[in-house]
Protein backbone atom coordinates (compact mmCIF):
# COMPACT_ATOMS: atom_id res chain seq x y z
CA MET A 1 0.00 0.00 0.00
CA LEU A 2 2.78 2.46 0.85
CA GLU A 3 5.43 1.27 -1.62
CA GLY A 4 6.93 4.23 -3.42
CA TYR A 5 5.09 6.74 -1.24
CA PHE A 6 8.12 7.67 0.85
CA THR A 7 11.03 8.43 -1.43
CA SER A 8 13.31 10.54 0.76
CA SER A 9 16.22 9.13 2.76
CA ASP A 10 14.13 9.29 5.92
CA GLY A 11 11.23 7.48 4.28
CA ALA A 12 11.60 4.38 6.45
CA GLU A 13 11.30 6.46 9.62
CA LYS A 14 8.25 8.28 8.28
CA GLN A 15 6.67 4.97 7.35
CA LYS A 16 7.30 3.61 10.86
CA ARG A 17 5.71 6.72 12.35
CA LEU A 18 2.71 6.46 10.04
CA LEU A 19 2.17 2.84 11.06
CA ALA A 20 2.46 3.74 14.75
CA VAL A 21 -0.07 6.56 14.35
CA GLN A 22 -2.43 4.23 12.48
CA ALA A 23 -2.17 1.70 15.30
CA ALA A 24 -2.79 4.44 17.87
CA LEU A 25 -5.89 5.58 15.99
CA GLU A 26 -7.21 2.02 15.90
CA ILE A 27 -6.80 1.76 19.67
CA ILE A 28 -8.52 5.12 20.15
CA GLN A 29 -11.31 4.06 17.78
CA ALA A 30 -11.95 0.97 19.88
CA SER A 31 -11.96 3.10 23.03
CA VAL A 32 -14.33 5.67 21.54
CA SER A 33 -16.81 2.99 20.50
CA CYS A 34 -17.19 1.84 24.11
CA THR A 35 -19.94 3.32 26.22
CA ASN A 36 -19.14 5.61 29.12
CA ALA A 37 -20.82 8.22 31.29
CA TYR A 38 -20.94 10.77 28.48
CA THR A 39 -23.60 10.87 25.77
CA GLY A 40 -24.36 12.87 22.65
CA ARG A 41 -22.33 16.01 22.07
CA ASP A 42 -20.55 15.64 25.41
CA LYS A 43 -19.21 12.23 24.38
CA LEU A 44 -18.14 13.50 20.96
CA SER A 45 -16.37 16.48 22.51
CA LYS A 46 -14.57 14.33 25.08
CA ASP A 47 -13.57 11.78 22.42
CA ILE A 48 -12.18 14.50 20.13
CA ASP A 49 -10.23 16.13 22.97
CA PHE A 50 -8.82 12.78 24.10
CA THR A 51 -7.76 11.86 20.57
CA LYS A 52 -6.16 15.25 19.96
CA ASP A 53 -4.27 15.14 23.24
CA LYS A 54 -3.23 11.48 23.26
CA VAL A 55 -2.65 10.21 19.71
CA SER A 56 0.96 11.40 19.58
CA GLU A 57 1.72 10.08 23.05
CA LEU A 58 0.22 6.70 22.21
CA ALA A 59 2.08 6.53 18.87
CA ASP A 60 5.34 7.33 20.70
CA ALA A 61 4.68 4.47 23.13
CA ILE A 62 3.92 2.06 20.28
CA GLN A 63 7.12 3.04 18.45
CA ALA A 64 9.20 2.69 21.61
CA ALA A 65 7.76 -0.77 22.25
CA LEU A 66 8.53 -1.90 18.70
CA GLU A 67 12.12 -0.67 18.89
CA LYS A 68 12.93 -2.78 21.97
């Protein structure tokens, strides 16, 4: 799917980051689909804020785990 997309010398690193972010978004998607105390617009707002604040942190953790 991504062959030829990254052509620069740092393409492998960018591809690793993209995969980590995709994995993080899948985890967040699963979390968002679960029910919690919030409903309607409140839930949407909380889910958006959480995703915005945590996707980078979660991707960093995924990358770090894969590099061990």
